[in-house]
Amino acid sequence: MLITQGPEVNIPPEAIRAAIQVGQYFLGGCLVLGLGSPLFRWILRRFFEPAPVVPPAQLSPDATARLERIEQAVEAVAIEVERIAEAQRFSAKLLAEQQKRSLAIPPPQTPA
C-alpha cells in the first residue's frame, strides 16, 4: 500500500474546535431525539390517555332484587317528601291569607 502526502493545509485551531463542537452538538441532539421522544410519548400515553373501559361485573340476582327494593323505597320517600312540602306550602298560604284578613278588618269601635 502506498501512502502519499498531500499539500500542507493550515487549519486554524478555532476552526477545528468549532467543527468538534458542531459534531458534539449533532450527536447530543441525536441522543436527545432518540431517547427523549419515546420517553415523551410514554409519558403522554401514561398520564393523558383515558383508562380502558372495563365492563361492569354482573350482579347476582339477590343483589339485583335488593337494588330494586332500595330504588322503590327511595321513590316512596321522594313522594312523601313532596307531599310534606306541598302541605307546608298550603299551610303557609293559609297563614298569609289569615294575616291579610286580620290587617284589613278594622277593629270594632266602642261607643264613648
PDB file of N, CA and C in Angstrom:
ATOM      1  N   MET A   1       0.835  -1.164   0.000  1.00  0.00           N
ATOM      2  CA  MET A   1       0.000   0.000   0.000  1.00  0.00           C
ATOM      3  C   MET A   1       0.885   1.233   0.000  1.00  0.00           C
ATOM      4  N   LEU A   2       0.451   2.196  -0.792  1.00  0.00           N
ATOM      5  CA  LEU A   2       1.236   3.401  -0.984  1.00  0.00           C
ATOM      6  C   LEU A   2       0.542   4.577  -0.337  1.00  0.00           C
ATOM      7  N   ILE A   3       1.218   5.253   0.556  1.00  0.00           N
ATOM      8  CA  ILE A   3       0.653   6.419   1.231  1.00  0.00           C
ATOM      9  C   ILE A   3       1.358   7.633   0.686  1.00  0.00           C
ATOM     10  N   THR A   4       0.514   8.546   0.208  1.00  0.00           N
ATOM     11  CA  THR A   4       1.093   9.788  -0.316  1.00  0.00           C
ATOM     12  C   THR A   4       0.657  10.933   0.561  1.00  0.00           C
ATOM     13  N   GLN A   5       1.497  11.870   0.666  1.00  0.00           N
ATOM     14  CA  GLN A   5       1.177  13.056   1.448  1.00  0.00           C
ATOM     15  C   GLN A   5       0.735  14.140   0.500  1.00  0.00           C
ATOM     16  N   GLY A   6      -0.383  14.795   0.899  1.00  0.00           N
ATOM     17  CA  GLY A   6      -0.914  15.865   0.089  1.00  0.00           C
ATOM     18  C   GLY A   6      -0.275  17.192   0.449  1.00  0.00           C
ATOM     19  N   PRO A   7      -0.791  18.237  -0.136  1.00  0.00           N
ATOM     20  CA  PRO A   7      -0.232  19.558   0.168  1.00  0.00           C
ATOM     21  C   PRO A   7      -0.500  19.930   1.630  1.00  0.00           C
ATOM     22  N   GLU A   8       0.365  20.706   2.134  1.00  0.00           N
ATOM     23  CA  GLU A   8       0.269  21.159   3.513  1.00  0.00           C
ATOM     24  C   GLU A   8      -0.913  22.123   3.634  1.00  0.00           C
ATOM     25  N   VAL A   9      -1.869  21.793   4.587  1.00  0.00           N
ATOM     26  CA  VAL A   9      -3.044  22.642   4.785  1.00  0.00           C
ATOM     27  C   VAL A   9      -2.974  23.192   6.198  1.00  0.00           C
ATOM     28  N   ASN A  10      -3.116  24.473   6.293  1.00  0.00           N
ATOM     29  CA  ASN A  10      -3.104  25.107   7.603  1.00  0.00           C
ATOM     30  C   ASN A  10      -4.543  25.422   8.017  1.00  0.00           C
ATOM     31  N   ILE A  11      -5.044  24.691   9.029  1.00  0.00           N
ATOM     32  CA  ILE A  11      -6.395  24.938   9.552  1.00  0.00           C
ATOM     33  C   ILE A  11      -6.235  25.587  10.920  1.00  0.00           C
ATOM     34  N   PRO A  12      -6.877  26.729  11.109  1.00  0.00           N
ATOM     35  CA  PRO A  12      -6.730  27.396  12.405  1.00  0.00           C
ATOM     36  C   PRO A  12      -7.322  26.536  13.521  1.00  0.00           C
ATOM     37  N   PRO A  13      -6.777  26.567  14.725  1.00  0.00           N
ATOM     38  CA  PRO A  13      -7.280  25.761  15.841  1.00  0.00           C
ATOM     39  C   PRO A  13      -8.719  26.112  16.219  1.00  0.00           C
ATOM     40  N   GLU A  14      -9.137  27.364  16.035  1.00  0.00           N
ATOM     41  CA  GLU A  14     -10.526  27.745  16.345  1.00  0.00           C
ATOM     42  C   GLU A  14     -11.503  27.005  15.440  1.00  0.00           C
ATOM     43  N   ALA A  15     -11.119  26.813  14.165  1.00  0.00           N
ATOM     44  CA  ALA A  15     -11.989  26.109  13.227  1.00  0.00           C
ATOM     45  C   ALA A  15     -12.094  24.641  13.607  1.00  0.00           C
ATOM     46  N   ILE A  16     -10.987  24.052  14.073  1.00  0.00           N
ATOM     47  CA  ILE A  16     -11.026  22.652  14.492  1.00  0.00           C
ATOM     48  C   ILE A  16     -11.923  22.499  15.716  1.00  0.00           C
ATOM     49  N   ARG A  17     -11.763  23.418  16.687  1.00  0.00           N
ATOM     50  CA  ARG A  17     -12.601  23.367  17.883  1.00  0.00           C
ATOM     51  C   ARG A  17     -14.070  23.572  17.529  1.00  0.00           C
ATOM     52  N   ALA A  18     -14.359  24.461  16.593  1.00  0.00           N
ATOM     53  CA  ALA A  18     -15.738  24.706  16.184  1.00  0.00           C
ATOM     54  C   ALA A  18     -16.320  23.470  15.493  1.00  0.00           C
ATOM     55  N   ALA A  19     -15.529  22.784  14.678  1.00  0.00           N
ATOM     56  CA  ALA A  19     -16.002  21.569  13.995  1.00  0.00           C
ATOM     57  C   ALA A  19     -16.275  20.468  15.008  1.00  0.00           C
ATOM     58  N   ILE A  20     -15.403  20.340  16.008  1.00  0.00           N
ATOM     59  CA  ILE A  20     -15.629  19.336  17.052  1.00  0.00           C
ATOM     60  C   ILE A  20     -16.890  19.677  17.834  1.00  0.00           C
ATOM     61  N   GLN A  21     -17.088  20.957  18.134  1.00  0.00           N
ATOM     62  CA  GLN A  21     -18.265  21.376  18.892  1.00  0.00           C
ATOM     63  C   GLN A  21     -19.546  21.115  18.091  1.00  0.00           C
ATOM     64  N   VAL A  22     -19.527  21.361  16.787  1.00  0.00           N
ATOM     65  CA  VAL A  22     -20.690  21.084  15.943  1.00  0.00           C
ATOM     66  C   VAL A  22     -20.995  19.593  15.958  1.00  0.00           C
ATOM     67  N   GLY A  23     -19.964  18.763  15.882  1.00  0.00           N
ATOM     68  CA  GLY A  23     -20.162  17.313  15.938  1.00  0.00           C
ATOM     69  C   GLY A  23     -20.741  16.874  17.281  1.00  0.00           C
ATOM     70  N   GLN A  24     -20.251  17.488  18.360  1.00  0.00           N
ATOM     71  CA  GLN A  24     -20.780  17.146  19.680  1.00  0.00           C
ATOM     72  C   GLN A  24     -22.258  17.542  19.791  1.00  0.00           C
ATOM     73  N   TYR A  25     -22.588  18.727  19.300  1.00  0.00           N
ATOM     74  CA  TYR A  25     -23.990  19.168  19.330  1.00  0.00           C
ATOM     75  C   TYR A  25     -24.878  18.240  18.500  1.00  0.00           C
ATOM     76  N   PHE A  26     -24.360  17.826  17.345  1.00  0.00           N
ATOM     77  CA  PHE A  26     -25.132  16.932  16.484  1.00  0.00           C
ATOM     78  C   PHE A  26     -25.393  15.597  17.191  1.00  0.00           C
ATOM     79  N   LEU A  27     -24.366  15.000  17.769  1.00  0.00           N
ATOM     80  CA  LEU A  27     -24.536  13.734  18.478  1.00  0.00           C
ATOM     81  C   LEU A  27     -25.436  13.901  19.698  1.00  0.00           C
ATOM     82  N   GLY A  28     -25.296  15.009  20.412  1.00  0.00           N
ATOM     83  CA  GLY A  28     -26.171  15.268  21.562  1.00  0.00           C
ATOM     84  C   GLY A  28     -27.630  15.395  21.138  1.00  0.00           C
ATOM     85  N   GLY A  29     -27.875  16.095  20.035  1.00  0.00           N
ATOM     86  CA  GLY A  29     -29.250  16.217  19.525  1.00  0.00           C
ATOM     87  C   GLY A  29     -29.819  14.876  19.114  1.00  0.00           C
ATOM     88  N   CYS A  30     -28.975  14.051  18.480  1.00  0.00           N
ATOM     89  CA  CYS A  30     -29.435  12.707  18.091  1.00  0.00           C
ATOM     90  C   CYS A  30     -29.795  11.885  19.323  1.00  0.00           C
ATOM     91  N   LEU A  31     -28.995  11.971  20.372  1.00  0.00           N
ATOM     92  CA  LEU A  31     -29.305  11.249  21.602  1.00  0.00           C
ATOM     93  C   LEU A  31     -30.590  11.755  22.246  1.00  0.00           C
ATOM     94  N   VAL A  32     -30.746  13.072  22.280  1.00  0.00           N
ATOM     95  CA  VAL A  32     -31.956  13.640  22.883  1.00  0.00           C
ATOM     96  C   VAL A  32     -33.186  13.199  22.100  1.00  0.00           C
ATOM     97  N   LEU A  33     -33.141  13.261  20.796  1.00  0.00           N
ATOM     98  CA  LEU A  33     -34.288  12.835  19.993  1.00  0.00           C
ATOM     99  C   LEU A  33     -34.507  11.333  20.075  1.00  0.00           C
ATOM    100  N   GLY A  34     -33.418  10.576  20.066  1.00  0.00           N
ATOM    101  CA  GLY A  34     -33.544   9.123  20.088  1.00  0.00           C
ATOM    102  C   GLY A  34     -34.071   8.595  21.408  1.00  0.00           C
ATOM    103  N   LEU A  35     -33.668   9.202  22.511  1.00  0.00           N
ATOM    104  CA  LEU A  35     -34.125   8.749  23.825  1.00  0.00           C
ATOM    105  C   LEU A  35     -35.307   9.565  24.340  1.00  0.00           C
ATOM    106  N   GLY A  36     -35.355  10.844  23.999  1.00  0.00           N
ATOM    107  CA  GLY A  36     -36.384  11.720  24.552  1.00  0.00           C
ATOM    108  C   GLY A  36     -37.754  11.523  23.944  1.00  0.00           C
ATOM    109  N   SER A  37     -37.832  11.295  22.644  1.00  0.00           N
ATOM    110  CA  SER A  37     -39.161  11.179  22.032  1.00  0.00           C
ATOM    111  C   SER A  37     -39.899   9.922  22.485  1.00  0.00           C
ATOM    112  N   PRO A  38     -39.267   8.747  22.590  1.00  0.00           N
ATOM    113  CA  PRO A  38     -40.022   7.610  23.140  1.00  0.00           C
ATOM    114  C   PRO A  38     -40.435   7.835  24.598  1.00  0.00           C
ATOM    115  N   LEU A  39     -39.560   8.463  25.366  1.00  0.00           N
ATOM    116  CA  LEU A  39     -39.889   8.760  26.756  1.00  0.00           C
ATOM    117  C   LEU A  39     -41.053   9.745  26.833  1.00  0.00           C
ATOM    118  N   PHE A  40     -41.031  10.754  25.995  1.00  0.00           N
ATOM    119  CA  PHE A  40     -42.104  11.745  25.974  1.00  0.00           C
ATOM    120  C   PHE A  40     -43.428  11.107  25.554  1.00  0.00           C
ATOM    121  N   ARG A  41     -43.401  10.236  24.550  1.00  0.00           N
ATOM    122  CA  ARG A  41     -44.629   9.545  24.135  1.00  0.00           C
ATOM    123  C   ARG A  41     -45.153   8.635  25.235  1.00  0.00           C
ATOM    124  N   TRP A  42     -44.249   7.959  25.954  1.00  0.00           N
ATOM    125  CA  TRP A  42     -44.672   7.104  27.058  1.00  0.00           C
ATOM    126  C   TRP A  42     -45.347   7.933  28.151  1.00  0.00           C
ATOM    127  N   ILE A  43     -44.770   9.080  28.472  1.00  0.00           N
ATOM    128  CA  ILE A  43     -45.367   9.953  29.496  1.00  0.00           C
ATOM    129  C   ILE A  43     -46.746  10.420  29.046  1.00  0.00           C
ATOM    130  N   LEU A  44     -46.882  10.826  27.801  1.00  0.00           N
ATOM    131  CA  LEU A  44     -48.184  11.266  27.300  1.00  0.00           C
ATOM    132  C   LEU A  44     -49.204  10.137  27.366  1.00  0.00           C
ATOM    133  N   ARG A  45     -48.811   8.949  26.944  1.00  0.00           N
ATOM    134  CA  ARG A  45     -49.735   7.812  26.983  1.00  0.00           C
ATOM    135  C   ARG A  45     -50.095   7.449  28.416  1.00  0.00           C
ATOM    136  N   ARG A  46     -49.132   7.493  29.295  1.00  0.00           N
ATOM    137  CA  ARG A  46     -49.337   7.055  30.678  1.00  0.00           C
ATOM    138  C   ARG A  46     -50.287   7.990  31.430  1.00  0.00           C
ATOM    139  N   PHE A  47     -50.138   9.291  31.239  1.00  0.00           N
ATOM    140  CA  PHE A  47     -50.872  10.235  32.060  1.00  0.00           C
ATOM    141  C   PHE A  47     -52.061  10.888  31.381  1.00  0.00           C
ATOM    142  N   PHE A  48     -52.144  10.865  30.063  1.00  0.00           N
ATOM    143  CA  PHE A  48     -53.192  11.619  29.393  1.00  0.00           C
ATOM    144  C   PHE A  48     -54.147  10.787  28.565  1.00  0.00           C
ATOM    145  N   GLU A  49     -53.920   9.509  28.417  1.00  0.00           N
ATOM    146  CA  GLU A  49     -54.880   8.668  27.709  1.00  0.00           C
ATOM    147  C   GLU A  49     -55.946   8.198  28.686  1.00  0.00           C
ATOM    148  N   PRO A  50     -57.190   8.118  28.239  1.00  0.00           N
ATOM    149  CA  PRO A  50     -58.223   7.632  29.157  1.00  0.00           C
ATOM    150  C   PRO A  50     -57.997   6.168  29.499  1.00  0.00           C
ATOM    151  N   ALA A  51     -58.449   5.819  30.676  1.00  0.00           N
ATOM    152  CA  ALA A  51     -58.303   4.440  31.124  1.00  0.00           C
ATOM    153  C   ALA A  51     -59.197   3.541  30.275  1.00  0.00           C
ATOM    154  N   PRO A  52     -58.781   2.329  30.041  1.00  0.00           N
ATOM    155  CA  PRO A  52     -59.628   1.430  29.256  1.00  0.00           C
ATOM    156  C   PRO A  52     -60.942   1.155  29.989  1.00  0.00           C
ATOM    157  N   VAL A  53     -61.993   1.059  29.215  1.00  0.00           N
ATOM    158  CA  VAL A  53     -63.310   0.831  29.792  1.00  0.00           C
ATOM    159  C   VAL A  53     -63.458  -0.653  30.113  1.00  0.00           C
ATOM    160  N   VAL A  54     -63.721  -0.911  31.370  1.00  0.00           N
ATOM    161  CA  VAL A  54     -63.892  -2.291  31.825  1.00  0.00           C
ATOM    162  C   VAL A  54     -65.389  -2.532  31.963  1.00  0.00           C
ATOM    163  N   PRO A  55     -65.918  -3.580  31.378  1.00  0.00           N
ATOM    164  CA  PRO A  55     -67.352  -3.825  31.508  1.00  0.00           C
ATOM    165  C   PRO A  55     -67.709  -4.104  32.960  1.00  0.00           C
ATOM    166  N   PRO A  56     -68.870  -3.619  33.392  1.00  0.00           N
ATOM    167  CA  PRO A  56     -69.235  -3.828  34.793  1.00  0.00           C
ATOM    168  C   PRO A  56     -69.461  -5.307  35.093  1.00  0.00           C
ATOM    169  N   ALA A  57     -69.173  -5.669  36.299  1.00  0.00           N
ATOM    170  CA  ALA A  57     -69.365  -7.061  36.712  1.00  0.00           C
ATOM    171  C   ALA A  57     -70.860  -7.350  36.818  1.00  0.00           C
ATOM    172  N   GLN A  58     -71.237  -8.539  36.490  1.00  0.00           N
ATOM    173  CA  GLN A  58     -72.643  -8.928  36.576  1.00  0.00           C
ATOM    174  C   GLN A  58     -73.025  -9.120  38.036  1.00  0.00           C
ATOM    175  N   LEU A  59     -74.173  -8.535  38.401  1.00  0.00           N
ATOM    176  CA  LEU A  59     -74.650  -8.662  39.772  1.00  0.00           C
ATOM    177  C   LEU A  59     -75.426  -9.963  39.924  1.00  0.00           C
ATOM    178  N   SER A  60     -75.393 -10.459  41.114  1.00  0.00           N
ATOM    179  CA  SER A  60     -76.158 -11.669  41.388  1.00  0.00           C
ATOM    180  C   SER A  60     -77.645 -11.318  41.414  1.00  0.00           C
ATOM    181  N   PRO A  61     -78.529 -12.278  41.224  1.00  0.00           N
ATOM    182  CA  PRO A  61     -79.969 -11.986  41.258  1.00  0.00           C
ATOM    183  C   PRO A  61     -80.417 -11.418  42.601  1.00  0.00           C
ATOM    184  N   ASP A  62     -79.790 -11.866  43.694  1.00  0.00           N
ATOM    185  CA  ASP A  62     -80.138 -11.321  45.009  1.00  0.00           C
ATOM    186  C   ASP A  62     -79.797  -9.837  45.093  1.00  0.00           C
ATOM    187  N   ALA A  63     -78.615  -9.481  44.593  1.00  0.00           N
ATOM    188  CA  ALA A  63     -78.203  -8.078  44.631  1.00  0.00           C
ATOM    189  C   ALA A  63     -79.099  -7.225  43.741  1.00  0.00           C
ATOM    190  N   THR A  64     -79.480  -7.746  42.585  1.00  0.00           N
ATOM    191  CA  THR A  64     -80.364  -7.007  41.691  1.00  0.00           C
ATOM    192  C   THR A  64     -81.713  -6.772  42.351  1.00  0.00           C
ATOM    193  N   ALA A  65     -82.255  -7.785  42.993  1.00  0.00           N
ATOM    194  CA  ALA A  65     -83.549  -7.633  43.680  1.00  0.00           C
ATOM    195  C   ALA A  65     -83.433  -6.624  44.813  1.00  0.00           C
ATOM    196  N   ARG A  66     -82.347  -6.687  45.531  1.00  0.00           N
ATOM    197  CA  ARG A  66     -82.150  -5.742  46.643  1.00  0.00           C
ATOM    198  C   ARG A  66     -82.061  -4.311  46.128  1.00  0.00           C
ATOM    199  N   LEU A  67     -81.328  -4.107  45.046  1.00  0.00           N
ATOM    200  CA  LEU A  67     -81.222  -2.760  44.470  1.00  0.00           C
ATOM    201  C   LEU A  67     -82.579  -2.261  43.995  1.00  0.00           C
ATOM    202  N   GLU A  68     -83.396  -3.128  43.440  1.00  0.00           N
ATOM    203  CA  GLU A  68     -84.739  -2.718  43.010  1.00  0.00           C
ATOM    204  C   GLU A  68     -85.586  -2.305  44.202  1.00  0.00           C
ATOM    205  N   ARG A  69     -85.477  -3.033  45.313  1.00  0.00           N
ATOM    206  CA  ARG A  69     -86.225  -2.664  46.518  1.00  0.00           C
ATOM    207  C   ARG A  69     -85.747  -1.321  47.071  1.00  0.00           C
ATOM    208  N   ILE A  70     -84.447  -1.110  47.041  1.00  0.00           N
ATOM    209  CA  ILE A  70     -83.909   0.178  47.506  1.00  0.00           C
ATOM    210  C   ILE A  70     -84.414   1.299  46.613  1.00  0.00           C
ATOM    211  N   GLU A  71     -84.431   1.074  45.316  1.00  0.00           N
ATOM    212  CA  GLU A  71     -84.918   2.089  44.381  1.00  0.00           C
ATOM    213  C   GLU A  71     -86.382   2.422  44.657  1.00  0.00           C
ATOM    214  N   GLN A  72     -87.208   1.411  44.901  1.00  0.00           N
ATOM    215  CA  GLN A  72     -88.617   1.651  45.204  1.00  0.00           C
ATOM    216  C   GLN A  72     -88.771   2.410  46.515  1.00  0.00           C
ATOM    217  N   ALA A  73     -87.941   2.095  47.502  1.00  0.00           N
ATOM    218  CA  ALA A  73     -88.009   2.801  48.782  1.00  0.00           C
ATOM    219  C   ALA A  73     -87.618   4.260  48.621  1.00  0.00           C
ATOM    220  N   VAL A  74     -86.602   4.522  47.832  1.00  0.00           N
ATOM    221  CA  VAL A  74     -86.172   5.909  47.606  1.00  0.00           C
ATOM    222  C   VAL A  74     -87.267   6.683  46.881  1.00  0.00           C
ATOM    223  N   GLU A  75     -87.909   6.070  45.908  1.00  0.00           N
ATOM    224  CA  GLU A  75     -89.004   6.742  45.202  1.00  0.00           C
ATOM    225  C   GLU A  75     -90.163   7.029  46.143  1.00  0.00           C
ATOM    226  N   ALA A  76     -90.490   6.083  47.038  1.00  0.00           N
ATOM    227  CA  ALA A  76     -91.574   6.293  48.002  1.00  0.00           C
ATOM    228  C   ALA A  76     -91.234   7.446  48.941  1.00  0.00           C
ATOM    229  N   VAL A  77     -90.006   7.513  49.406  1.00  0.00           N
ATOM    230  CA  VAL A  77     -89.587   8.613  50.281  1.00  0.00           C
ATOM    231  C   VAL A  77     -89.674   9.941  49.540  1.00  0.00           C
ATOM    232  N   ALA A  78     -89.283   9.959  48.281  1.00  0.00           N
ATOM    233  CA  ALA A  78     -89.352  11.192  47.491  1.00  0.00           C
ATOM    234  C   ALA A  78     -90.791  11.667  47.343  1.00  0.00           C
ATOM    235  N   ILE A  79     -91.719  10.744  47.140  1.00  0.00           N
ATOM    236  CA  ILE A  79     -93.141  11.112  47.013  1.00  0.00           C
ATOM    237  C   ILE A  79     -93.651  11.685  48.336  1.00  0.00           C
ATOM    238  N   GLU A  80     -93.272  11.062  49.434  1.00  0.00           N
ATOM    239  CA  GLU A  80     -93.718  11.552  50.741  1.00  0.00           C
ATOM    240  C   GLU A  80     -93.136  12.927  51.042  1.00  0.00           C
ATOM    241  N   VAL A  81     -91.890  13.145  50.702  1.00  0.00           N
ATOM    242  CA  VAL A  81     -91.278  14.463  50.922  1.00  0.00           C
ATOM    243  C   VAL A  81     -91.992  15.511  50.086  1.00  0.00           C
ATOM    244  N   GLU A  82     -92.360  15.183  48.862  1.00  0.00           N
ATOM    245  CA  GLU A  82     -93.097  16.118  48.013  1.00  0.00           C
ATOM    246  C   GLU A  82     -94.455  16.439  48.628  1.00  0.00           C
ATOM    247  N   ARG A  83     -95.132  15.449  49.188  1.00  0.00           N
ATOM    248  CA  ARG A  83     -96.423  15.686  49.839  1.00  0.00           C
ATOM    249  C   ARG A  83     -96.259  16.604  51.047  1.00  0.00           C
ATOM    250  N   ILE A  84     -95.227  16.358  51.834  1.00  0.00           N
ATOM    251  CA  ILE A  84     -94.978  17.209  53.009  1.00  0.00           C
ATOM    252  C   ILE A  84     -94.704  18.642  52.568  1.00  0.00           C
ATOM    253  N   ALA A  85     -93.923  18.812  51.517  1.00  0.00           N
ATOM    254  CA  ALA A  85     -93.611  20.156  51.026  1.00  0.00           C
ATOM    255  C   ALA A  85     -94.867  20.850  50.528  1.00  0.00           C
ATOM    256  N   GLU A  86     -95.732  20.126  49.835  1.00  0.00           N
ATOM    257  CA  GLU A  86     -96.991  20.709  49.347  1.00  0.00           C
ATOM    258  C   GLU A  86     -97.874  21.118  50.517  1.00  0.00           C
ATOM    259  N   ALA A  87     -97.967  20.302  51.552  1.00  0.00           N
ATOM    260  CA  ALA A  87     -98.766  20.644  52.733  1.00  0.00           C
ATOM    261  C   ALA A  87     -98.197  21.877  53.428  1.00  0.00           C
ATOM    262  N   GLN A  88     -96.877  21.980  53.473  1.00  0.00           N
ATOM    263  CA  GLN A  88     -96.251  23.139  54.105  1.00  0.00           C
ATOM    264  C   GLN A  88     -96.533  24.400  53.295  1.00  0.00           C
ATOM    265  N   ARG A  89     -96.478  24.317  51.983  1.00  0.00           N
ATOM    266  CA  ARG A  89     -96.800  25.483  51.146  1.00  0.00           C
ATOM    267  C   ARG A  89     -98.256  25.895  51.344  1.00  0.00           C
ATOM    268  N   PHE A  90     -99.160  24.907  51.432  1.00  0.00           N
ATOM    269  CA  PHE A  90    -100.574  25.201  51.611  1.00  0.00           C
ATOM    270  C   PHE A  90    -100.826  25.884  52.956  1.00  0.00           C
ATOM    271  N   SER A  91    -100.207  25.367  54.020  1.00  0.00           N
ATOM    272  CA  SER A  91    -100.421  25.976  55.337  1.00  0.00           C
ATOM    273  C   SER A  91     -99.801  27.366  55.403  1.00  0.00           C
ATOM    274  N   ALA A  92     -98.680  27.586  54.754  1.00  0.00           N
ATOM    275  CA  ALA A  92     -98.070  28.920  54.723  1.00  0.00           C
ATOM    276  C   ALA A  92     -98.964  29.887  53.971  1.00  0.00           C
ATOM    277  N   LYS A  93     -99.588  29.419  52.903  1.00  0.00           N
ATOM    278  CA  LYS A  93    -100.515  30.260  52.139  1.00  0.00           C
ATOM    279  C   LYS A  93    -101.718  30.634  52.992  1.00  0.00           C
ATOM    280  N   LEU A  94    -102.281  29.661  53.730  1.00  0.00           N
ATOM    281  CA  LEU A  94    -103.423  29.949  54.605  1.00  0.00           C
ATOM    282  C   LEU A  94    -103.055  30.954  55.685  1.00  0.00           C
ATOM    283  N   LEU A  95    -101.879  30.800  56.280  1.00  0.00           N
ATOM    284  CA  LEU A  95    -101.445  31.749  57.306  1.00  0.00           C
ATOM    285  C   LEU A  95    -101.285  33.154  56.734  1.00  0.00           C
ATOM    286  N   ALA A  96    -100.730  33.255  55.533  1.00  0.00           N
ATOM    287  CA  ALA A  96    -100.552  34.568  54.911  1.00  0.00           C
ATOM    288  C   ALA A  96    -101.904  35.212  54.630  1.00  0.00           C
ATOM    289  N   GLU A  97    -102.880  34.446  54.144  1.00  0.00           N
ATOM    290  CA  GLU A  97    -104.214  34.990  53.885  1.00  0.00           C
ATOM    291  C   GLU A  97    -104.890  35.423  55.179  1.00  0.00           C
ATOM    292  N   GLN A  98    -104.708  34.636  56.234  1.00  0.00           N
ATOM    293  CA  GLN A  98    -105.314  34.976  57.518  1.00  0.00           C
ATOM    294  C   GLN A  98    -104.712  36.275  58.055  1.00  0.00           C
ATOM    295  N   GLN A  99    -103.424  36.476  57.889  1.00  0.00           N
ATOM    296  CA  GLN A  99    -102.801  37.714  58.346  1.00  0.00           C
ATOM    297  C   GLN A  99    -103.299  38.907  57.534  1.00  0.00           C
ATOM    298  N   LYS A 100    -103.498  38.731  56.231  1.00  0.00           N
ATOM    299  CA  LYS A 100    -104.008  39.821  55.395  1.00  0.00           C
ATOM    300  C   LYS A 100    -105.419  40.199  55.842  1.00  0.00           C
ATOM    301  N   ARG A 101    -106.258  39.198  56.126  1.00  0.00           N
ATOM    302  CA  ARG A 101    -107.629  39.476  56.549  1.00  0.00           C
ATOM    303  C   ARG A 101    -107.652  40.184  57.910  1.00  0.00           C
ATOM    304  N   SER A 102    -106.781  39.763  58.809  1.00  0.00           N
ATOM    305  CA  SER A 102    -106.793  40.384  60.138  1.00  0.00           C
ATOM    306  C   SER A 102    -106.294  41.816  60.070  1.00  0.00           C
ATOM    307  N   LEU A 103    -105.421  42.121  59.110  1.00  0.00           N
ATOM    308  CA  LEU A 103    -104.954  43.503  58.963  1.00  0.00           C
ATOM    309  C   LEU A 103    -105.968  44.351  58.206  1.00  0.00           C
ATOM    310  N   ALA A 104    -106.749  43.749  57.349  1.00  0.00           N
ATOM    311  CA  ALA A 104    -107.716  44.512  56.546  1.00  0.00           C
ATOM    312  C   ALA A 104    -108.973  44.865  57.331  1.00  0.00           C
ATOM    313  N   ILE A 105    -109.366  44.061  58.287  1.00  0.00           N
ATOM    314  CA  ILE A 105    -110.582  44.318  59.083  1.00  0.00           C
ATOM    315  C   ILE A 105    -110.236  45.316  60.182  1.00  0.00           C
ATOM    316  N   PRO A 106    -110.928  46.454  60.189  1.00  0.00           N
ATOM    317  CA  PRO A 106    -110.650  47.421  61.241  1.00  0.00           C
ATOM    318  C   PRO A 106    -111.223  46.912  62.577  1.00  0.00           C
ATOM    319  N   PRO A 107    -110.573  47.230  63.664  1.00  0.00           N
ATOM    320  CA  PRO A 107    -111.083  46.791  64.954  1.00  0.00           C
ATOM    321  C   PRO A 107    -112.415  47.484  65.276  1.00  0.00           C
ATOM    322  N   PRO A 108    -113.316  46.789  65.971  1.00  0.00           N
ATOM    323  CA  PRO A 108    -114.618  47.410  66.276  1.00  0.00           C
ATOM    324  C   PRO A 108    -114.412  48.589  67.252  1.00  0.00           C
ATOM    325  N   GLN A 109    -115.188  49.656  66.968  1.00  0.00           N
ATOM    326  CA  GLN A 109    -115.068  50.854  67.809  1.00  0.00           C
ATOM    327  C   GLN A 109    -116.086  50.776  68.931  1.00  0.00           C
ATOM    328  N   THR A 110    -115.654  51.143  70.086  1.00  0.00           N
ATOM    329  CA  THR A 110    -116.567  51.136  71.236  1.00  0.00           C
ATOM    330  C   THR A 110    -117.218  52.512  71.366  1.00  0.00           C
ATOM    331  N   PRO A 111    -118.536  52.558  71.703  1.00  0.00           N
ATOM    332  CA  PRO A 111    -119.185  53.864  71.860  1.00  0.00           C
ATOM    333  C   PRO A 111    -118.658  54.570  73.107  1.00  0.00           C
ATOM    334  N   ALA A 112    -118.499  55.851  72.977  1.00  0.00           N
ATOM    335  CA  ALA A 112    -117.977  56.618  74.095  1.00  0.00           C
ATOM    336  C   ALA A 112    -119.010  57.288  74.907  1.00  0.00           C
TER     337      ALA A 112
END
